[in-house]
Amino acid sequence: MTDTIIASGEIVNELPFPAEVFGIAFLVSFFALAWLTYSYRNVANRHRHKTQGTSSASAHH
């Protein structure tokens, strides 16, 4: 009897959306950030001409 009284006195905050919506939102944001990270692959090699020969260029100055 006391268990039901204690349980009925608990404060329950309902979620603004169903739990599945939070899971789907998390997965979508995770894959979006993974795609963003993947899009930066090989960036250093795309701009190799900017970094190539910097040690020799600074030696000439």
PDB file of N, CA and C in Angstrom:
ATOM      1  N   MET A   1       0.828  -1.193   0.000  1.00  0.00           N
ATOM      2  CA  MET A   1       0.000   0.000   0.000  1.00  0.00           C
ATOM      3  C   MET A   1       0.873   1.258   0.000  1.00  0.00           C
ATOM      4  N   THR A   2       1.949   1.251   0.752  1.00  0.00           N
ATOM      5  CA  THR A   2       2.812   2.436   0.809  1.00  0.00           C
ATOM      6  C   THR A   2       3.567   2.649  -0.497  1.00  0.00           C
ATOM      7  N   ASP A   3       3.820   1.559  -1.218  1.00  0.00           N
ATOM      8  CA  ASP A   3       4.525   1.697  -2.496  1.00  0.00           C
ATOM      9  C   ASP A   3       3.681   2.474  -3.499  1.00  0.00           C
ATOM     10  N   THR A   4       2.399   2.238  -3.519  1.00  0.00           N
ATOM     11  CA  THR A   4       1.549   2.960  -4.458  1.00  0.00           C
ATOM     12  C   THR A   4       1.415   4.424  -4.070  1.00  0.00           C
ATOM     13  N   ILE A   5       1.451   4.698  -2.797  1.00  0.00           N
ATOM     14  CA  ILE A   5       1.367   6.090  -2.355  1.00  0.00           C
ATOM     15  C   ILE A   5       2.639   6.840  -2.742  1.00  0.00           C
ATOM     16  N   ILE A   6       3.788   6.203  -2.550  1.00  0.00           N
ATOM     17  CA  ILE A   6       5.062   6.829  -2.917  1.00  0.00           C
ATOM     18  C   ILE A   6       5.146   6.996  -4.436  1.00  0.00           C
ATOM     19  N   ALA A   7       4.727   5.988  -5.154  1.00  0.00           N
ATOM     20  CA  ALA A   7       4.798   6.042  -6.616  1.00  0.00           C
ATOM     21  C   ALA A   7       3.858   7.106  -7.165  1.00  0.00           C
ATOM     22  N   SER A   8       2.722   7.285  -6.551  1.00  0.00           N
ATOM     23  CA  SER A   8       1.779   8.280  -7.059  1.00  0.00           C
ATOM     24  C   SER A   8       2.232   9.703  -6.734  1.00  0.00           C
ATOM     25  N   GLY A   9       3.137   9.850  -5.770  1.00  0.00           N
ATOM     26  CA  GLY A   9       3.633  11.170  -5.413  1.00  0.00           C
ATOM     27  C   GLY A   9       4.826  11.621  -6.241  1.00  0.00           C
ATOM     28  N   GLU A  10       5.324  10.772  -7.135  1.00  0.00           N
ATOM     29  CA  GLU A  10       6.482  11.132  -7.943  1.00  0.00           C
ATOM     30  C   GLU A  10       6.122  12.178  -8.980  1.00  0.00           C
ATOM     31  N   ILE A  11       7.056  13.038  -9.231  1.00  0.00           N
ATOM     32  CA  ILE A  11       6.864  14.049 -10.271  1.00  0.00           C
ATOM     33  C   ILE A  11       7.292  13.441 -11.606  1.00  0.00           C
ATOM     34  N   VAL A  12       6.410  13.469 -12.565  1.00  0.00           N
ATOM     35  CA  VAL A  12       6.696  12.902 -13.876  1.00  0.00           C
ATOM     36  C   VAL A  12       6.653  14.034 -14.897  1.00  0.00           C
ATOM     37  N   ASN A  13       7.783  14.257 -15.542  1.00  0.00           N
ATOM     38  CA  ASN A  13       7.841  15.251 -16.610  1.00  0.00           C
ATOM     39  C   ASN A  13       7.768  14.521 -17.943  1.00  0.00           C
ATOM     40  N   GLU A  14       6.717  14.784 -18.672  1.00  0.00           N
ATOM     41  CA  GLU A  14       6.571  14.117 -19.958  1.00  0.00           C
ATOM     42  C   GLU A  14       7.450  14.790 -20.996  1.00  0.00           C
ATOM     43  N   LEU A  15       7.932  14.012 -21.945  1.00  0.00           N
ATOM     44  CA  LEU A  15       8.770  14.537 -23.013  1.00  0.00           C
ATOM     45  C   LEU A  15       7.914  15.354 -23.981  1.00  0.00           C
ATOM     46  N   PRO A  16       8.479  16.400 -24.581  1.00  0.00           N
ATOM     47  CA  PRO A  16       7.689  17.194 -25.529  1.00  0.00           C
ATOM     48  C   PRO A  16       7.405  16.443 -26.827  1.00  0.00           C
ATOM     49  N   PHE A  17       8.225  15.438 -27.133  1.00  0.00           N
ATOM     50  CA  PHE A  17       8.036  14.608 -28.326  1.00  0.00           C
ATOM     51  C   PHE A  17       8.151  13.156 -27.909  1.00  0.00           C
ATOM     52  N   PRO A  18       7.645  12.249 -28.718  1.00  0.00           N
ATOM     53  CA  PRO A  18       7.847  10.828 -28.404  1.00  0.00           C
ATOM     54  C   PRO A  18       9.337  10.475 -28.422  1.00  0.00           C
ATOM     55  N   ALA A  19       9.717   9.458 -27.701  1.00  0.00           N
ATOM     56  CA  ALA A  19      11.126   9.074 -27.578  1.00  0.00           C
ATOM     57  C   ALA A  19      11.735   8.733 -28.941  1.00  0.00           C
ATOM     58  N   GLU A  20      10.949   8.194 -29.855  1.00  0.00           N
ATOM     59  CA  GLU A  20      11.461   7.832 -31.172  1.00  0.00           C
ATOM     60  C   GLU A  20      11.941   9.061 -31.936  1.00  0.00           C
ATOM     61  N   VAL A  21      11.286  10.191 -31.739  1.00  0.00           N
ATOM     62  CA  VAL A  21      11.685  11.425 -32.427  1.00  0.00           C
ATOM     63  C   VAL A  21      13.077  11.848 -31.975  1.00  0.00           C
ATOM     64  N   PHE A  22      13.374  11.717 -30.698  1.00  0.00           N
ATOM     65  CA  PHE A  22      14.700  12.060 -30.202  1.00  0.00           C
ATOM     66  C   PHE A  22      15.757  11.129 -30.787  1.00  0.00           C
ATOM     67  N   GLY A  23      15.438   9.860 -30.897  1.00  0.00           N
ATOM     68  CA  GLY A  23      16.374   8.900 -31.487  1.00  0.00           C
ATOM     69  C   GLY A  23      16.641   9.200 -32.944  1.00  0.00           C
ATOM     70  N   ILE A  24      15.579   9.509 -33.691  1.00  0.00           N
ATOM     71  CA  ILE A  24      15.742   9.822 -35.112  1.00  0.00           C
ATOM     72  C   ILE A  24      16.518  11.119 -35.279  1.00  0.00           C
ATOM     73  N   ALA A  25      16.236  12.121 -34.461  1.00  0.00           N
ATOM     74  CA  ALA A  25      16.962  13.391 -34.534  1.00  0.00           C
ATOM     75  C   ALA A  25      18.442  13.188 -34.221  1.00  0.00           C
ATOM     76  N   PHE A  26      18.743  12.348 -33.248  1.00  0.00           N
ATOM     77  CA  PHE A  26      20.135  12.060 -32.919  1.00  0.00           C
ATOM     78  C   PHE A  26      20.830  11.384 -34.091  1.00  0.00           C
ATOM     79  N   LEU A  27      20.192  10.386 -34.687  1.00  0.00           N
ATOM     80  CA  LEU A  27      20.811   9.682 -35.810  1.00  0.00           C
ATOM     81  C   LEU A  27      21.029  10.602 -37.004  1.00  0.00           C
ATOM     82  N   VAL A  28      20.048  11.453 -37.296  1.00  0.00           N
ATOM     83  CA  VAL A  28      20.192  12.386 -38.419  1.00  0.00           C
ATOM     84  C   VAL A  28      21.342  13.352 -38.161  1.00  0.00           C
ATOM     85  N   SER A  29      21.422  13.890 -36.953  1.00  0.00           N
ATOM     86  CA  SER A  29      22.505  14.826 -36.654  1.00  0.00           C
ATOM     87  C   SER A  29      23.855  14.110 -36.636  1.00  0.00           C
ATOM     88  N   PHE A  30      23.902  12.880 -36.163  1.00  0.00           N
ATOM     89  CA  PHE A  30      25.151  12.119 -36.164  1.00  0.00           C
ATOM     90  C   PHE A  30      25.642  11.882 -37.587  1.00  0.00           C
ATOM     91  N   PHE A  31      24.744  11.468 -38.483  1.00  0.00           N
ATOM     92  CA  PHE A  31      25.159  11.223 -39.857  1.00  0.00           C
ATOM     93  C   PHE A  31      25.501  12.520 -40.584  1.00  0.00           C
ATOM     94  N   ALA A  32      24.834  13.616 -40.246  1.00  0.00           N
ATOM     95  CA  ALA A  32      25.179  14.906 -40.846  1.00  0.00           C
ATOM     96  C   ALA A  32      26.585  15.331 -40.422  1.00  0.00           C
ATOM     97  N   LEU A  33      26.908  15.178 -39.146  1.00  0.00           N
ATOM     98  CA  LEU A  33      28.250  15.527 -38.691  1.00  0.00           C
ATOM     99  C   LEU A  33      29.296  14.564 -39.240  1.00  0.00           C
ATOM    100  N   ALA A  34      28.949  13.299 -39.391  1.00  0.00           N
ATOM    101  CA  ALA A  34      29.876  12.337 -39.995  1.00  0.00           C
ATOM    102  C   ALA A  34      30.138  12.708 -41.449  1.00  0.00           C
ATOM    103  N   TRP A  35      29.104  13.114 -42.176  1.00  0.00           N
ATOM    104  CA  TRP A  35      29.281  13.538 -43.563  1.00  0.00           C
ATOM    105  C   TRP A  35      30.147  14.794 -43.635  1.00  0.00           C
ATOM    106  N   LEU A  36      29.939  15.722 -42.719  1.00  0.00           N
ATOM    107  CA  LEU A  36      30.745  16.944 -42.699  1.00  0.00           C
ATOM    108  C   LEU A  36      32.215  16.618 -42.445  1.00  0.00           C
ATOM    109  N   THR A  37      32.472  15.730 -41.509  1.00  0.00           N
ATOM    110  CA  THR A  37      33.846  15.311 -41.238  1.00  0.00           C
ATOM    111  C   THR A  37      34.437  14.603 -42.447  1.00  0.00           C
ATOM    112  N   TYR A  38      33.674  13.737 -43.077  1.00  0.00           N
ATOM    113  CA  TYR A  38      34.147  12.991 -44.246  1.00  0.00           C
ATOM    114  C   TYR A  38      34.423  13.924 -45.423  1.00  0.00           C
ATOM    115  N   SER A  39      33.700  15.026 -45.504  1.00  0.00           N
ATOM    116  CA  SER A  39      33.891  15.940 -46.626  1.00  0.00           C
ATOM    117  C   SER A  39      35.230  16.659 -46.555  1.00  0.00           C
ATOM    118  N   TYR A  40      35.868  16.681 -45.396  1.00  0.00           N
ATOM    119  CA  TYR A  40      37.169  17.335 -45.242  1.00  0.00           C
ATOM    120  C   TYR A  40      38.342  16.387 -45.466  1.00  0.00           C
ATOM    121  N   ARG A  41      38.074  15.187 -45.993  1.00  0.00           N
ATOM    122  CA  ARG A  41      39.164  14.253 -46.227  1.00  0.00           C
ATOM    123  C   ARG A  41      40.077  14.793 -47.329  1.00  0.00           C
ATOM    124  N   ASN A  42      41.348  14.544 -47.190  1.00  0.00           N
ATOM    125  CA  ASN A  42      42.338  14.843 -48.219  1.00  0.00           C
ATOM    126  C   ASN A  42      42.455  16.335 -48.517  1.00  0.00           C
ATOM    127  N   VAL A  43      42.056  17.198 -47.610  1.00  0.00           N
ATOM    128  CA  VAL A  43      42.116  18.641 -47.851  1.00  0.00           C
ATOM    129  C   VAL A  43      43.564  19.111 -47.924  1.00  0.00           C
ATOM    130  N   ALA A  44      44.438  18.549 -47.109  1.00  0.00           N
ATOM    131  CA  ALA A  44      45.841  18.962 -47.117  1.00  0.00           C
ATOM    132  C   ALA A  44      46.485  18.673 -48.464  1.00  0.00           C
ATOM    133  N   ASN A  45      46.102  17.587 -49.113  1.00  0.00           N
ATOM    134  CA  ASN A  45      46.695  17.251 -50.407  1.00  0.00           C
ATOM    135  C   ASN A  45      46.148  18.129 -51.531  1.00  0.00           C
ATOM    136  N   ARG A  46      44.980  18.701 -51.357  1.00  0.00           N
ATOM    137  CA  ARG A  46      44.424  19.584 -52.384  1.00  0.00           C
ATOM    138  C   ARG A  46      45.206  20.882 -52.468  1.00  0.00           C
ATOM    139  N   HIS A  47      45.811  21.301 -51.369  1.00  0.00           N
ATOM    140  CA  HIS A  47      46.530  22.567 -51.313  1.00  0.00           C
ATOM    141  C   HIS A  47      48.023  22.338 -51.105  1.00  0.00           C
ATOM    142  N   ARG A  48      48.535  21.273 -51.678  1.00  0.00           N
ATOM    143  CA  ARG A  48      49.940  20.929 -51.494  1.00  0.00           C
ATOM    144  C   ARG A  48      50.845  22.002 -52.080  1.00  0.00           C
ATOM    145  N   HIS A  49      50.410  22.683 -53.143  1.00  0.00           N
ATOM    146  CA  HIS A  49      51.251  23.701 -53.768  1.00  0.00           C
ATOM    147  C   HIS A  49      51.515  24.873 -52.825  1.00  0.00           C
ATOM    148  N   LYS A  50      50.649  25.084 -51.854  1.00  0.00           N
ATOM    149  CA  LYS A  50      50.845  26.175 -50.896  1.00  0.00           C
ATOM    150  C   LYS A  50      51.882  25.813 -49.846  1.00  0.00           C
ATOM    151  N   THR A  51      51.997  24.535 -49.516  1.00  0.00           N
ATOM    152  CA  THR A  51      52.934  24.123 -48.473  1.00  0.00           C
ATOM    153  C   THR A  51      54.198  23.512 -49.042  1.00  0.00           C
ATOM    154  N   GLN A  52      54.219  23.200 -50.302  1.00  0.00           N
ATOM    155  CA  GLN A  52      55.387  22.557 -50.899  1.00  0.00           C
ATOM    156  C   GLN A  52      56.513  23.570 -51.058  1.00  0.00           C
ATOM    157  N   GLY A  53      57.664  23.225 -50.586  1.00  0.00           N
ATOM    158  CA  GLY A  53      58.825  24.088 -50.756  1.00  0.00           C
ATOM    159  C   GLY A  53      58.849  25.272 -49.842  1.00  0.00           C
ATOM    160  N   THR A  54      58.139  25.259 -48.734  1.00  0.00           N
ATOM    161  CA  THR A  54      58.161  26.414 -47.837  1.00  0.00           C
ATOM    162  C   THR A  54      59.496  26.532 -47.131  1.00  0.00           C
ATOM    163  N   SER A  55      60.158  25.400 -46.861  1.00  0.00           N
ATOM    164  CA  SER A  55      61.442  25.470 -46.194  1.00  0.00           C
ATOM    165  C   SER A  55      62.493  26.075 -47.135  1.00  0.00           C
ATOM    166  N   SER A  56      62.413  25.748 -48.413  1.00  0.00           N
ATOM    167  CA  SER A  56      63.374  26.322 -49.357  1.00  0.00           C
ATOM    168  C   SER A  56      63.047  27.794 -49.652  1.00  0.00           C
ATOM    169  N   ALA A  57      61.765  28.155 -49.614  1.00  0.00           N
ATOM    170  CA  ALA A  57      61.386  29.543 -49.862  1.00  0.00           C
ATOM    171  C   ALA A  57      61.814  30.429 -48.704  1.00  0.00           C
ATOM    172  N   SER A  58      61.735  29.920 -47.494  1.00  0.00           N
ATOM    173  CA  SER A  58      62.154  30.729 -46.352  1.00  0.00           C
ATOM    174  C   SER A  58      63.669  30.824 -46.277  1.00  0.00           C
ATOM    175  N   ALA A  59      64.380  29.864 -46.847  1.00  0.00           N
ATOM    176  CA  ALA A  59      65.841  29.903 -46.838  1.00  0.00           C
ATOM    177  C   ALA A  59      66.351  30.953 -47.804  1.00  0.00           C
ATOM    178  N   HIS A  60      65.576  31.287 -48.859  1.00  0.00           N
ATOM    179  CA  HIS A  60      66.002  32.280 -49.832  1.00  0.00           C
ATOM    180  C   HIS A  60      65.816  33.699 -49.335  1.00  0.00           C
ATOM    181  N   HIS A  61      64.964  33.880 -48.326  1.00  0.00           N
ATOM    182  CA  HIS A  61      64.671  35.238 -47.824  1.00  0.00           C
ATOM    183  C   HIS A  61      65.647  35.675 -46.838  1.00  0.00           C
TER     184      HIS A  61
END
